[in-house]
Amino acid sequence: MRPLCQCGMRPAAVNYKKGNKTYYRKKCEICLKHGTVGFGIPKWKQVGYEKKDVCEKCGFKGKHKEQFNVFHIDGNLLNCQFRNLKTICANCQRVLHLDGVKWKQGDLSPDF
């Protein structure tokens, strides 16, 4: 029998088959895709944060929310306090990751 995912909602994904035996992963396909456990929803979304339609780093305004990512200022993906989360465009995210630069305090504006 197929085991349940760690989220407890869906069956675990198949990892591989060897002979007549099937080996399963610990997570379902949705949790694997989103890198989370729990309904396939990222932790930042579980706490109620919503992506904005403007980059908080460069001011780019996009047509689609898929053009933006949620950036954790301190780099800790488990720290989902609203003051640690910012919406940035894909270009700014790539530049931040390539340069290894963390956001400077002067670059941020507080959320009210």
PDB file of N, CA and C in Angstrom:
ATOM      1  N   MET A   1       0.839  -1.176   0.000  1.00  0.00           N
ATOM      2  CA  MET A   1       0.000   0.000   0.000  1.00  0.00           C
ATOM      3  C   MET A   1       0.888   1.246   0.000  1.00  0.00           C
ATOM      4  N   ARG A   2       0.501   2.235  -0.771  1.00  0.00           N
ATOM      5  CA  ARG A   2       1.265   3.469  -0.908  1.00  0.00           C
ATOM      6  C   ARG A   2       1.157   4.310   0.366  1.00  0.00           C
ATOM      7  N   PRO A   3       2.282   4.760   0.925  1.00  0.00           N
ATOM      8  CA  PRO A   3       2.233   5.571   2.138  1.00  0.00           C
ATOM      9  C   PRO A   3       1.740   6.989   1.852  1.00  0.00           C
ATOM     10  N   LEU A   4       1.306   7.680   2.904  1.00  0.00           N
ATOM     11  CA  LEU A   4       0.869   9.064   2.770  1.00  0.00           C
ATOM     12  C   LEU A   4       2.068  10.003   2.817  1.00  0.00           C
ATOM     13  N   CYS A   5       1.906  11.152   2.199  1.00  0.00           N
ATOM     14  CA  CYS A   5       2.896  12.217   2.240  1.00  0.00           C
ATOM     15  C   CYS A   5       3.014  12.730   3.675  1.00  0.00           C
ATOM     16  N   GLN A   6       4.090  13.439   3.961  1.00  0.00           N
ATOM     17  CA  GLN A   6       4.257  14.047   5.275  1.00  0.00           C
ATOM     18  C   GLN A   6       3.157  15.056   5.575  1.00  0.00           C
ATOM     19  N   CYS A   7       2.530  15.622   4.538  1.00  0.00           N
ATOM     20  CA  CYS A   7       1.441  16.574   4.760  1.00  0.00           C
ATOM     21  C   CYS A   7       0.180  15.849   5.223  1.00  0.00           C
ATOM     22  N   GLY A   8       0.144  14.535   5.016  1.00  0.00           N
ATOM     23  CA  GLY A   8      -0.999  13.747   5.453  1.00  0.00           C
ATOM     24  C   GLY A   8      -2.219  13.835   4.560  1.00  0.00           C
ATOM     25  N   MET A   9      -2.091  14.468   3.411  1.00  0.00           N
ATOM     26  CA  MET A   9      -3.249  14.688   2.542  1.00  0.00           C
ATOM     27  C   MET A   9      -3.249  13.807   1.286  1.00  0.00           C
ATOM     28  N   ARG A  10      -2.084  13.544   0.716  1.00  0.00           N
ATOM     29  CA  ARG A  10      -2.007  12.817  -0.555  1.00  0.00           C
ATOM     30  C   ARG A  10      -1.010  11.673  -0.458  1.00  0.00           C
ATOM     31  N   PRO A  11      -1.100  10.712  -1.385  1.00  0.00           N
ATOM     32  CA  PRO A  11      -0.127   9.622  -1.390  1.00  0.00           C
ATOM     33  C   PRO A  11       1.267  10.108  -1.779  1.00  0.00           C
ATOM     34  N   ALA A  12       2.271   9.483  -1.223  1.00  0.00           N
ATOM     35  CA  ALA A  12       3.655   9.832  -1.515  1.00  0.00           C
ATOM     36  C   ALA A  12       3.981   9.530  -2.982  1.00  0.00           C
ATOM     37  N   ALA A  13       4.927  10.283  -3.514  1.00  0.00           N
ATOM     38  CA  ALA A  13       5.333  10.116  -4.904  1.00  0.00           C
ATOM     39  C   ALA A  13       6.205   8.867  -5.037  1.00  0.00           C
ATOM     40  N   VAL A  14       6.148   8.255  -6.214  1.00  0.00           N
ATOM     41  CA  VAL A  14       6.986   7.090  -6.501  1.00  0.00           C
ATOM     42  C   VAL A  14       8.412   7.573  -6.729  1.00  0.00           C
ATOM     43  N   ASN A  15       9.365   6.950  -6.075  1.00  0.00           N
ATOM     44  CA  ASN A  15      10.769   7.299  -6.264  1.00  0.00           C
ATOM     45  C   ASN A  15      11.363   6.452  -7.391  1.00  0.00           C
ATOM     46  N   TYR A  16      11.307   5.111  -7.239  1.00  0.00           N
ATOM     47  CA  TYR A  16      11.761   4.213  -8.284  1.00  0.00           C
ATOM     48  C   TYR A  16      11.215   2.814  -8.011  1.00  0.00           C
ATOM     49  N   LYS A  17      11.337   1.957  -9.029  1.00  0.00           N
ATOM     50  CA  LYS A  17      10.926   0.558  -8.902  1.00  0.00           C
ATOM     51  C   LYS A  17      12.129  -0.320  -9.157  1.00  0.00           C
ATOM     52  N   LYS A  18      12.278  -1.346  -8.325  1.00  0.00           N
ATOM     53  CA  LYS A  18      13.376  -2.296  -8.494  1.00  0.00           C
ATOM     54  C   LYS A  18      12.768  -3.680  -8.401  1.00  0.00           C
ATOM     55  N   GLY A  19      12.796  -4.376  -9.522  1.00  0.00           N
ATOM     56  CA  GLY A  19      12.146  -5.683  -9.569  1.00  0.00           C
ATOM     57  C   GLY A  19      10.645  -5.504  -9.393  1.00  0.00           C
ATOM     58  N   ASN A  20      10.073  -6.247  -8.447  1.00  0.00           N
ATOM     59  CA  ASN A  20       8.642  -6.131  -8.176  1.00  0.00           C
ATOM     60  C   ASN A  20       8.347  -5.168  -7.030  1.00  0.00           C
ATOM     61  N   LYS A  21       9.369  -4.530  -6.468  1.00  0.00           N
ATOM     62  CA  LYS A  21       9.180  -3.651  -5.317  1.00  0.00           C
ATOM     63  C   LYS A  21       9.210  -2.188  -5.746  1.00  0.00           C
ATOM     64  N   THR A  22       8.280  -1.392  -5.218  1.00  0.00           N
ATOM     65  CA  THR A  22       8.209   0.035  -5.490  1.00  0.00           C
ATOM     66  C   THR A  22       8.680   0.800  -4.263  1.00  0.00           C
ATOM     67  N   TYR A  23       9.551   1.785  -4.485  1.00  0.00           N
ATOM     68  CA  TYR A  23      10.069   2.620  -3.408  1.00  0.00           C
ATOM     69  C   TYR A  23       9.465   4.016  -3.549  1.00  0.00           C
ATOM     70  N   TYR A  24       9.043   4.594  -2.417  1.00  0.00           N
ATOM     71  CA  TYR A  24       8.343   5.868  -2.425  1.00  0.00           C
ATOM     72  C   TYR A  24       9.158   6.965  -1.755  1.00  0.00           C
ATOM     73  N   ARG A  25       8.877   8.181  -2.134  1.00  0.00           N
ATOM     74  CA  ARG A  25       9.464   9.346  -1.486  1.00  0.00           C
ATOM     75  C   ARG A  25       8.679   9.648  -0.212  1.00  0.00           C
ATOM     76  N   LYS A  26       9.144  10.613   0.571  1.00  0.00           N
ATOM     77  CA  LYS A  26       8.438  10.990   1.795  1.00  0.00           C
ATOM     78  C   LYS A  26       7.331  11.997   1.524  1.00  0.00           C
ATOM     79  N   LYS A  27       7.415  12.678   0.354  1.00  0.00           N
ATOM     80  CA  LYS A  27       6.452  13.731   0.031  1.00  0.00           C
ATOM     81  C   LYS A  27       5.661  13.384  -1.225  1.00  0.00           C
ATOM     82  N   CYS A  28       4.495  14.017  -1.373  1.00  0.00           N
ATOM     83  CA  CYS A  28       3.686  13.873  -2.586  1.00  0.00           C
ATOM     84  C   CYS A  28       4.250  14.792  -3.674  1.00  0.00           C
ATOM     85  N   GLU A  29       3.738  14.679  -4.876  1.00  0.00           N
ATOM     86  CA  GLU A  29       4.218  15.485  -6.002  1.00  0.00           C
ATOM     87  C   GLU A  29       4.065  16.979  -5.743  1.00  0.00           C
ATOM     88  N   ILE A  30       2.954  17.398  -5.148  1.00  0.00           N
ATOM     89  CA  ILE A  30       2.704  18.821  -4.913  1.00  0.00           C
ATOM     90  C   ILE A  30       3.679  19.381  -3.889  1.00  0.00           C
ATOM     91  N   CYS A  31       3.882  18.668  -2.789  1.00  0.00           N
ATOM     92  CA  CYS A  31       4.827  19.138  -1.769  1.00  0.00           C
ATOM     93  C   CYS A  31       6.255  19.156  -2.313  1.00  0.00           C
ATOM     94  N   LEU A  32       6.612  18.194  -3.168  1.00  0.00           N
ATOM     95  CA  LEU A  32       7.935  18.186  -3.788  1.00  0.00           C
ATOM     96  C   LEU A  32       8.106  19.388  -4.715  1.00  0.00           C
ATOM     97  N   LYS A  33       7.081  19.685  -5.490  1.00  0.00           N
ATOM     98  CA  LYS A  33       7.145  20.780  -6.451  1.00  0.00           C
ATOM     99  C   LYS A  33       7.325  22.122  -5.759  1.00  0.00           C
ATOM    100  N   HIS A  34       6.609  22.326  -4.650  1.00  0.00           N
ATOM    101  CA  HIS A  34       6.644  23.615  -3.965  1.00  0.00           C
ATOM    102  C   HIS A  34       7.675  23.679  -2.848  1.00  0.00           C
ATOM    103  N   GLY A  35       8.338  22.570  -2.584  1.00  0.00           N
ATOM    104  CA  GLY A  35       9.360  22.565  -1.548  1.00  0.00           C
ATOM    105  C   GLY A  35       8.808  22.746  -0.151  1.00  0.00           C
ATOM    106  N   THR A  36       7.582  22.329   0.057  1.00  0.00           N
ATOM    107  CA  THR A  36       6.946  22.513   1.354  1.00  0.00           C
ATOM    108  C   THR A  36       6.296  21.224   1.808  1.00  0.00           C
ATOM    109  N   VAL A  37       5.824  21.253   3.014  1.00  0.00           N
ATOM    110  CA  VAL A  37       4.977  20.186   3.529  1.00  0.00           C
ATOM    111  C   VAL A  37       3.705  20.860   3.985  1.00  0.00           C
ATOM    112  N   GLY A  38       2.599  20.444   3.492  1.00  0.00           N
ATOM    113  CA  GLY A  38       1.327  21.003   3.910  1.00  0.00           C
ATOM    114  C   GLY A  38       0.574  21.622   2.756  1.00  0.00           C
ATOM    115  N   PHE A  39      -0.268  20.849   2.158  1.00  0.00           N
ATOM    116  CA  PHE A  39      -1.168  21.287   1.101  1.00  0.00           C
ATOM    117  C   PHE A  39      -0.441  21.850  -0.118  1.00  0.00           C
ATOM    118  N   GLY A  40       0.878  21.659  -0.221  1.00  0.00           N
ATOM    119  CA  GLY A  40       1.608  22.150  -1.374  1.00  0.00           C
ATOM    120  C   GLY A  40       1.703  23.659  -1.430  1.00  0.00           C
ATOM    121  N   ILE A  41       1.482  24.333  -0.313  1.00  0.00           N
ATOM    122  CA  ILE A  41       1.510  25.785  -0.279  1.00  0.00           C
ATOM    123  C   ILE A  41       2.800  26.230   0.399  1.00  0.00           C
ATOM    124  N   PRO A  42       3.556  27.155  -0.208  1.00  0.00           N
ATOM    125  CA  PRO A  42       4.776  27.634   0.434  1.00  0.00           C
ATOM    126  C   PRO A  42       4.472  28.248   1.801  1.00  0.00           C
ATOM    127  N   LYS A  43       5.444  28.174   2.686  1.00  0.00           N
ATOM    128  CA  LYS A  43       5.230  28.650   4.054  1.00  0.00           C
ATOM    129  C   LYS A  43       4.870  30.131   4.091  1.00  0.00           C
ATOM    130  N   TRP A  44       5.480  30.937   3.225  1.00  0.00           N
ATOM    131  CA  TRP A  44       5.181  32.369   3.222  1.00  0.00           C
ATOM    132  C   TRP A  44       3.719  32.625   2.866  1.00  0.00           C
ATOM    133  N   LYS A  45       3.161  31.751   2.028  1.00  0.00           N
ATOM    134  CA  LYS A  45       1.754  31.910   1.665  1.00  0.00           C
ATOM    135  C   LYS A  45       0.851  31.410   2.785  1.00  0.00           C
ATOM    136  N   GLN A  46       1.300  30.386   3.509  1.00  0.00           N
ATOM    137  CA  GLN A  46       0.523  29.859   4.632  1.00  0.00           C
ATOM    138  C   GLN A  46       0.344  30.909   5.719  1.00  0.00           C
ATOM    139  N   VAL A  47       1.328  31.798   5.899  1.00  0.00           N
ATOM    140  CA  VAL A  47       1.214  32.826   6.930  1.00  0.00           C
ATOM    141  C   VAL A  47       0.439  34.046   6.439  1.00  0.00           C
ATOM    142  N   GLY A  48       0.032  34.051   5.164  1.00  0.00           N
ATOM    143  CA  GLY A  48      -0.829  35.114   4.652  1.00  0.00           C
ATOM    144  C   GLY A  48      -0.151  36.153   3.778  1.00  0.00           C
ATOM    145  N   TYR A  49       1.132  35.990   3.472  1.00  0.00           N
ATOM    146  CA  TYR A  49       1.821  36.951   2.605  1.00  0.00           C
ATOM    147  C   TYR A  49       1.380  36.720   1.167  1.00  0.00           C
ATOM    148  N   GLU A  50       1.131  37.793   0.447  1.00  0.00           N
ATOM    149  CA  GLU A  50       0.761  37.711  -0.967  1.00  0.00           C
ATOM    150  C   GLU A  50       1.777  38.473  -1.801  1.00  0.00           C
ATOM    151  N   LYS A  51       2.140  37.910  -2.949  1.00  0.00           N
ATOM    152  CA  LYS A  51       3.043  38.605  -3.865  1.00  0.00           C
ATOM    153  C   LYS A  51       2.381  39.893  -4.333  1.00  0.00           C
ATOM    154  N   LYS A  52       3.181  40.922  -4.466  1.00  0.00           N
ATOM    155  CA  LYS A  52       2.690  42.189  -5.006  1.00  0.00           C
ATOM    156  C   LYS A  52       2.913  42.191  -6.514  1.00  0.00           C
ATOM    157  N   ASP A  53       2.385  43.177  -7.220  1.00  0.00           N
ATOM    158  CA  ASP A  53       2.586  43.247  -8.668  1.00  0.00           C
ATOM    159  C   ASP A  53       3.640  44.290  -9.036  1.00  0.00           C
ATOM    160  N   VAL A  54       4.502  44.615  -8.055  1.00  0.00           N
ATOM    161  CA  VAL A  54       5.606  45.531  -8.296  1.00  0.00           C
ATOM    162  C   VAL A  54       6.821  45.040  -7.500  1.00  0.00           C
ATOM    163  N   CYS A  55       7.996  45.161  -8.113  1.00  0.00           N
ATOM    164  CA  CYS A  55       9.234  44.743  -7.446  1.00  0.00           C
ATOM    165  C   CYS A  55       9.582  45.764  -6.372  1.00  0.00           C
ATOM    166  N   GLU A  56       9.831  45.270  -5.162  1.00  0.00           N
ATOM    167  CA  GLU A  56      10.156  46.164  -4.068  1.00  0.00           C
ATOM    168  C   GLU A  56      11.630  46.554  -4.062  1.00  0.00           C
ATOM    169  N   LYS A  57      12.404  46.043  -5.004  1.00  0.00           N
ATOM    170  CA  LYS A  57      13.825  46.375  -5.118  1.00  0.00           C
ATOM    171  C   LYS A  57      14.045  47.438  -6.190  1.00  0.00           C
ATOM    172  N   CYS A  58      13.511  47.196  -7.402  1.00  0.00           N
ATOM    173  CA  CYS A  58      13.771  48.116  -8.519  1.00  0.00           C
ATOM    174  C   CYS A  58      12.546  48.887  -8.984  1.00  0.00           C
ATOM    175  N   GLY A  59      11.347  48.492  -8.540  1.00  0.00           N
ATOM    176  CA  GLY A  59      10.132  49.202  -8.923  1.00  0.00           C
ATOM    177  C   GLY A  59       9.468  48.696 -10.194  1.00  0.00           C
ATOM    178  N   PHE A  60       9.994  47.611 -10.779  1.00  0.00           N
ATOM    179  CA  PHE A  60       9.407  47.036 -11.999  1.00  0.00           C
ATOM    180  C   PHE A  60       7.950  46.653 -11.751  1.00  0.00           C
ATOM    181  N   LYS A  61       7.075  47.039 -12.683  1.00  0.00           N
ATOM    182  CA  LYS A  61       5.662  46.669 -12.591  1.00  0.00           C
ATOM    183  C   LYS A  61       5.371  45.645 -13.673  1.00  0.00           C
ATOM    184  N   GLY A  62       4.904  44.481 -13.263  1.00  0.00           N
ATOM    185  CA  GLY A  62       4.645  43.398 -14.202  1.00  0.00           C
ATOM    186  C   GLY A  62       3.168  43.185 -14.451  1.00  0.00           C
ATOM    187  N   LYS A  63       2.875  42.467 -15.503  1.00  0.00           N
ATOM    188  CA  LYS A  63       1.497  42.127 -15.824  1.00  0.00           C
ATOM    189  C   LYS A  63       1.026  40.899 -15.062  1.00  0.00           C
ATOM    190  N   HIS A  64       1.961  39.995 -14.759  1.00  0.00           N
ATOM    191  CA  HIS A  64       1.620  38.722 -14.146  1.00  0.00           C
ATOM    192  C   HIS A  64       2.416  38.520 -12.862  1.00  0.00           C
ATOM    193  N   LYS A  65       1.784  37.923 -11.869  1.00  0.00           N
ATOM    194  CA  LYS A  65       2.468  37.665 -10.598  1.00  0.00           C
ATOM    195  C   LYS A  65       3.566  36.611 -10.758  1.00  0.00           C
ATOM    196  N   GLU A  66       3.536  35.837 -11.845  1.00  0.00           N
ATOM    197  CA  GLU A  66       4.568  34.834 -12.087  1.00  0.00           C
ATOM    198  C   GLU A  66       5.916  35.483 -12.389  1.00  0.00           C
ATOM    199  N   GLN A  67       5.922  36.780 -12.695  1.00  0.00           N
ATOM    200  CA  GLN A  67       7.164  37.487 -12.966  1.00  0.00           C
ATOM    201  C   GLN A  67       7.900  37.847 -11.675  1.00  0.00           C
ATOM    202  N   PHE A  68       7.280  37.566 -10.535  1.00  0.00           N
ATOM    203  CA  PHE A  68       7.840  37.947  -9.245  1.00  0.00           C
ATOM    204  C   PHE A  68       8.057  36.736  -8.354  1.00  0.00           C
ATOM    205  N   ASN A  69       8.986  36.889  -7.420  1.00  0.00           N
ATOM    206  CA  ASN A  69       9.288  35.858  -6.432  1.00  0.00           C
ATOM    207  C   ASN A  69       9.265  36.487  -5.053  1.00  0.00           C
ATOM    208  N   VAL A  70       9.092  35.658  -4.041  1.00  0.00           N
ATOM    209  CA  VAL A  70       9.164  36.138  -2.670  1.00  0.00           C
ATOM    210  C   VAL A  70      10.585  35.935  -2.191  1.00  0.00           C
ATOM    211  N   PHE A  71      11.188  37.008  -1.697  1.00  0.00           N
ATOM    212  CA  PHE A  71      12.575  37.004  -1.249  1.00  0.00           C
ATOM    213  C   PHE A  71      12.617  37.106   0.270  1.00  0.00           C
ATOM    214  N   HIS A  72      13.375  36.218   0.895  1.00  0.00           N
ATOM    215  CA  HIS A  72      13.573  36.250   2.341  1.00  0.00           C
ATOM    216  C   HIS A  72      14.818  37.085   2.605  1.00  0.00           C
ATOM    217  N   ILE A  73      14.667  38.222   3.240  1.00  0.00           N
ATOM    218  CA  ILE A  73      15.762  39.167   3.425  1.00  0.00           C
ATOM    219  C   ILE A  73      16.937  38.537   4.160  1.00  0.00           C
ATOM    220  N   ASP A  74      16.654  37.798   5.238  1.00  0.00           N
ATOM    221  CA  ASP A  74      17.752  37.217   6.021  1.00  0.00           C
ATOM    222  C   ASP A  74      18.250  35.890   5.442  1.00  0.00           C
ATOM    223  N   GLY A  75      17.647  35.409   4.361  1.00  0.00           N
ATOM    224  CA  GLY A  75      18.064  34.172   3.725  1.00  0.00           C
ATOM    225  C   GLY A  75      17.506  32.918   4.367  1.00  0.00           C
ATOM    226  N   ASN A  76      16.784  33.049   5.470  1.00  0.00           N
ATOM    227  CA  ASN A  76      16.196  31.907   6.176  1.00  0.00           C
ATOM    228  C   ASN A  76      14.783  31.666   5.650  1.00  0.00           C
ATOM    229  N   LEU A  77      14.601  30.577   4.920  1.00  0.00           N
ATOM    230  CA  LEU A  77      13.298  30.292   4.314  1.00  0.00           C
ATOM    231  C   LEU A  77      12.226  29.961   5.341  1.00  0.00           C
ATOM    232  N   LEU A  78      12.630  29.649   6.555  1.00  0.00           N
ATOM    233  CA  LEU A  78      11.655  29.348   7.605  1.00  0.00           C
ATOM    234  C   LEU A  78      11.204  30.604   8.343  1.00  0.00           C
ATOM    235  N   ASN A  79      11.924  31.713   8.182  1.00  0.00           N
ATOM    236  CA  ASN A  79      11.547  32.976   8.812  1.00  0.00           C
ATOM    237  C   ASN A  79      10.561  33.693   7.900  1.00  0.00           C
ATOM    238  N   CYS A  80       9.279  33.501   8.154  1.00  0.00           N
ATOM    239  CA  CYS A  80       8.246  34.060   7.293  1.00  0.00           C
ATOM    240  C   CYS A  80       7.487  35.196   7.963  1.00  0.00           C
ATOM    241  N   GLN A  81       8.195  35.974   8.763  1.00  0.00           N
ATOM    242  CA  GLN A  81       7.587  37.191   9.305  1.00  0.00           C
ATOM    243  C   GLN A  81       7.466  38.181   8.161  1.00  0.00           C
ATOM    244  N   PHE A  82       6.382  38.942   8.133  1.00  0.00           N
ATOM    245  CA  PHE A  82       6.134  39.846   7.012  1.00  0.00           C
ATOM    246  C   PHE A  82       7.282  40.823   6.791  1.00  0.00           C
ATOM    247  N   ARG A  83       7.953  41.272   7.848  1.00  0.00           N
ATOM    248  CA  ARG A  83       9.045  42.237   7.683  1.00  0.00           C
ATOM    249  C   ARG A  83      10.274  41.582   7.036  1.00  0.00           C
ATOM    250  N   ASN A  84      10.317  40.252   6.979  1.00  0.00           N
ATOM    251  CA  ASN A  84      11.423  39.533   6.349  1.00  0.00           C
ATOM    252  C   ASN A  84      11.122  39.152   4.901  1.00  0.00           C
ATOM    253  N   LEU A  85       9.909  39.376   4.431  1.00  0.00           N
ATOM    254  CA  LEU A  85       9.501  38.966   3.087  1.00  0.00           C
ATOM    255  C   LEU A  85       9.314  40.180   2.188  1.00  0.00           C
ATOM    256  N   LYS A  86       9.868  40.104   0.999  1.00  0.00           N
ATOM    257  CA  LYS A  86       9.702  41.155   0.002  1.00  0.00           C
ATOM    258  C   LYS A  86       9.429  40.510  -1.346  1.00  0.00           C
ATOM    259  N   THR A  87       8.657  41.182  -2.178  1.00  0.00           N
ATOM    260  CA  THR A  87       8.381  40.730  -3.534  1.00  0.00           C
ATOM    261  C   THR A  87       9.403  41.369  -4.455  1.00  0.00           C
ATOM    262  N   ILE A  88      10.126  40.524  -5.207  1.00  0.00           N
ATOM    263  CA  ILE A  88      11.110  41.048  -6.153  1.00  0.00           C
ATOM    264  C   ILE A  88      10.902  40.391  -7.515  1.00  0.00           C
ATOM    265  N   CYS A  89      11.346  41.094  -8.551  1.00  0.00           N
ATOM    266  CA  CYS A  89      11.225  40.546  -9.909  1.00  0.00           C
ATOM    267  C   CYS A  89      12.287  39.473 -10.117  1.00  0.00           C
ATOM    268  N   ALA A  90      12.102  38.678 -11.138  1.00  0.00           N
ATOM    269  CA  ALA A  90      13.023  37.580 -11.426  1.00  0.00           C
ATOM    270  C   ALA A  90      14.431  38.105 -11.716  1.00  0.00           C
ATOM    271  N   ASN A  91      14.535  39.258 -12.365  1.00  0.00           N
ATOM    272  CA  ASN A  91      15.851  39.828 -12.661  1.00  0.00           C
ATOM    273  C   ASN A  91      16.586  40.197 -11.376  1.00  0.00           C
ATOM    274  N   CYS A  92      15.926  40.887 -10.462  1.00  0.00           N
ATOM    275  CA  CYS A  92      16.566  41.269  -9.200  1.00  0.00           C
ATOM    276  C   CYS A  92      16.952  40.036  -8.386  1.00  0.00           C
ATOM    277  N   GLN A  93      16.132  38.999  -8.428  1.00  0.00           N
ATOM    278  CA  GLN A  93      16.460  37.789  -7.680  1.00  0.00           C
ATOM    279  C   GLN A  93      17.742  37.155  -8.220  1.00  0.00           C
ATOM    280  N   ARG A  94      17.871  37.085  -9.532  1.00  0.00           N
ATOM    281  CA  ARG A  94      19.066  36.501 -10.127  1.00  0.00           C
ATOM    282  C   ARG A  94      20.308  37.319  -9.768  1.00  0.00           C
ATOM    283  N   VAL A  95      20.195  38.642  -9.845  1.00  0.00           N
ATOM    284  CA  VAL A  95      21.328  39.504  -9.525  1.00  0.00           C
ATOM    285  C   VAL A  95      21.718  39.339  -8.058  1.00  0.00           C
ATOM    286  N   LEU A  96      20.733  39.304  -7.158  1.00  0.00           N
ATOM    287  CA  LEU A  96      21.024  39.137  -5.736  1.00  0.00           C
ATOM    288  C   LEU A  96      21.719  37.810  -5.458  1.00  0.00           C
ATOM    289  N   HIS A  97      21.275  36.748  -6.113  1.00  0.00           N
ATOM    290  CA  HIS A  97      21.880  35.436  -5.889  1.00  0.00           C
ATOM    291  C   HIS A  97      23.274  35.332  -6.511  1.00  0.00           C
ATOM    292  N   LEU A  98      23.474  35.925  -7.687  1.00  0.00           N
ATOM    293  CA  LEU A  98      24.788  35.886  -8.330  1.00  0.00           C
ATOM    294  C   LEU A  98      25.816  36.703  -7.553  1.00  0.00           C
ATOM    295  N   ASP A  99      25.417  37.881  -7.098  1.00  0.00           N
ATOM    296  CA  ASP A  99      26.331  38.761  -6.372  1.00  0.00           C
ATOM    297  C   ASP A  99      26.522  38.335  -4.921  1.00  0.00           C
ATOM    298  N   GLY A 100      25.595  37.530  -4.421  1.00  0.00           N
ATOM    299  CA  GLY A 100      25.685  37.123  -3.032  1.00  0.00           C
ATOM    300  C   GLY A 100      25.429  38.272  -2.077  1.00  0.00           C
ATOM    301  N   VAL A 101      24.737  39.279  -2.558  1.00  0.00           N
ATOM    302  CA  VAL A 101      24.500  40.477  -1.757  1.00  0.00           C
ATOM    303  C   VAL A 101      23.166  40.348  -1.027  1.00  0.00           C
ATOM    304  N   LYS A 102      23.211  40.590   0.251  1.00  0.00           N
ATOM    305  CA  LYS A 102      21.967  40.651   1.030  1.00  0.00           C
ATOM    306  C   LYS A 102      21.413  42.067   0.893  1.00  0.00           C
ATOM    307  N   TRP A 103      20.148  42.195   1.114  1.00  0.00           N
ATOM    308  CA  TRP A 103      19.509  43.488   1.072  1.00  0.00           C
ATOM    309  C   TRP A 103      20.050  44.360   2.191  1.00  0.00           C
ATOM    310  N   LYS A 104      20.397  45.584   1.903  1.00  0.00           N
ATOM    311  CA  LYS A 104      20.865  46.512   2.925  1.00  0.00           C
ATOM    312  C   LYS A 104      19.667  47.186   3.573  1.00  0.00           C
ATOM    313  N   GLN A 105      19.800  47.551   4.824  1.00  0.00           N
ATOM    314  CA  GLN A 105      18.683  48.123   5.566  1.00  0.00           C
ATOM    315  C   GLN A 105      18.145  49.381   4.868  1.00  0.00           C
ATOM    316  N   GLY A 106      18.997  50.190   4.276  1.00  0.00           N
ATOM    317  CA  GLY A 106      18.550  51.411   3.598  1.00  0.00           C
ATOM    318  C   GLY A 106      17.717  51.145   2.365  1.00  0.00           C
ATOM    319  N   ASP A 107      17.803  49.937   1.824  1.00  0.00           N
ATOM    320  CA  ASP A 107      17.047  49.596   0.615  1.00  0.00           C
ATOM    321  C   ASP A 107      15.593  49.265   0.903  1.00  0.00           C
ATOM    322  N   LEU A 108      15.272  49.047   2.164  1.00  0.00           N
ATOM    323  CA  LEU A 108      13.936  48.568   2.515  1.00  0.00           C
ATOM    324  C   LEU A 108      13.041  49.695   2.983  1.00  0.00           C
ATOM    325  N   SER A 109      11.769  49.530   2.691  1.00  0.00           N
ATOM    326  CA  SER A 109      10.786  50.449   3.251  1.00  0.00           C
ATOM    327  C   SER A 109       9.835  49.609   4.085  1.00  0.00           C
ATOM    328  N   PRO A 110       9.477  50.089   5.285  1.00  0.00           N
ATOM    329  CA  PRO A 110       8.632  49.285   6.162  1.00  0.00           C
ATOM    330  C   PRO A 110       7.224  49.109   5.602  1.00  0.00           C
ATOM    331  N   ASP A 111       6.639  47.954   5.883  1.00  0.00           N
ATOM    332  CA  ASP A 111       5.247  47.689   5.509  1.00  0.00           C
ATOM    333  C   ASP A 111       4.340  48.194   6.617  1.00  0.00           C
ATOM    334  N   PHE A 112       3.307  48.918   6.228  1.00  0.00           N
ATOM    335  CA  PHE A 112       2.344  49.413   7.220  1.00  0.00           C
ATOM    336  C   PHE A 112       0.985  48.827   6.983  1.00  0.00           C
TER     337      PHE A 112
END
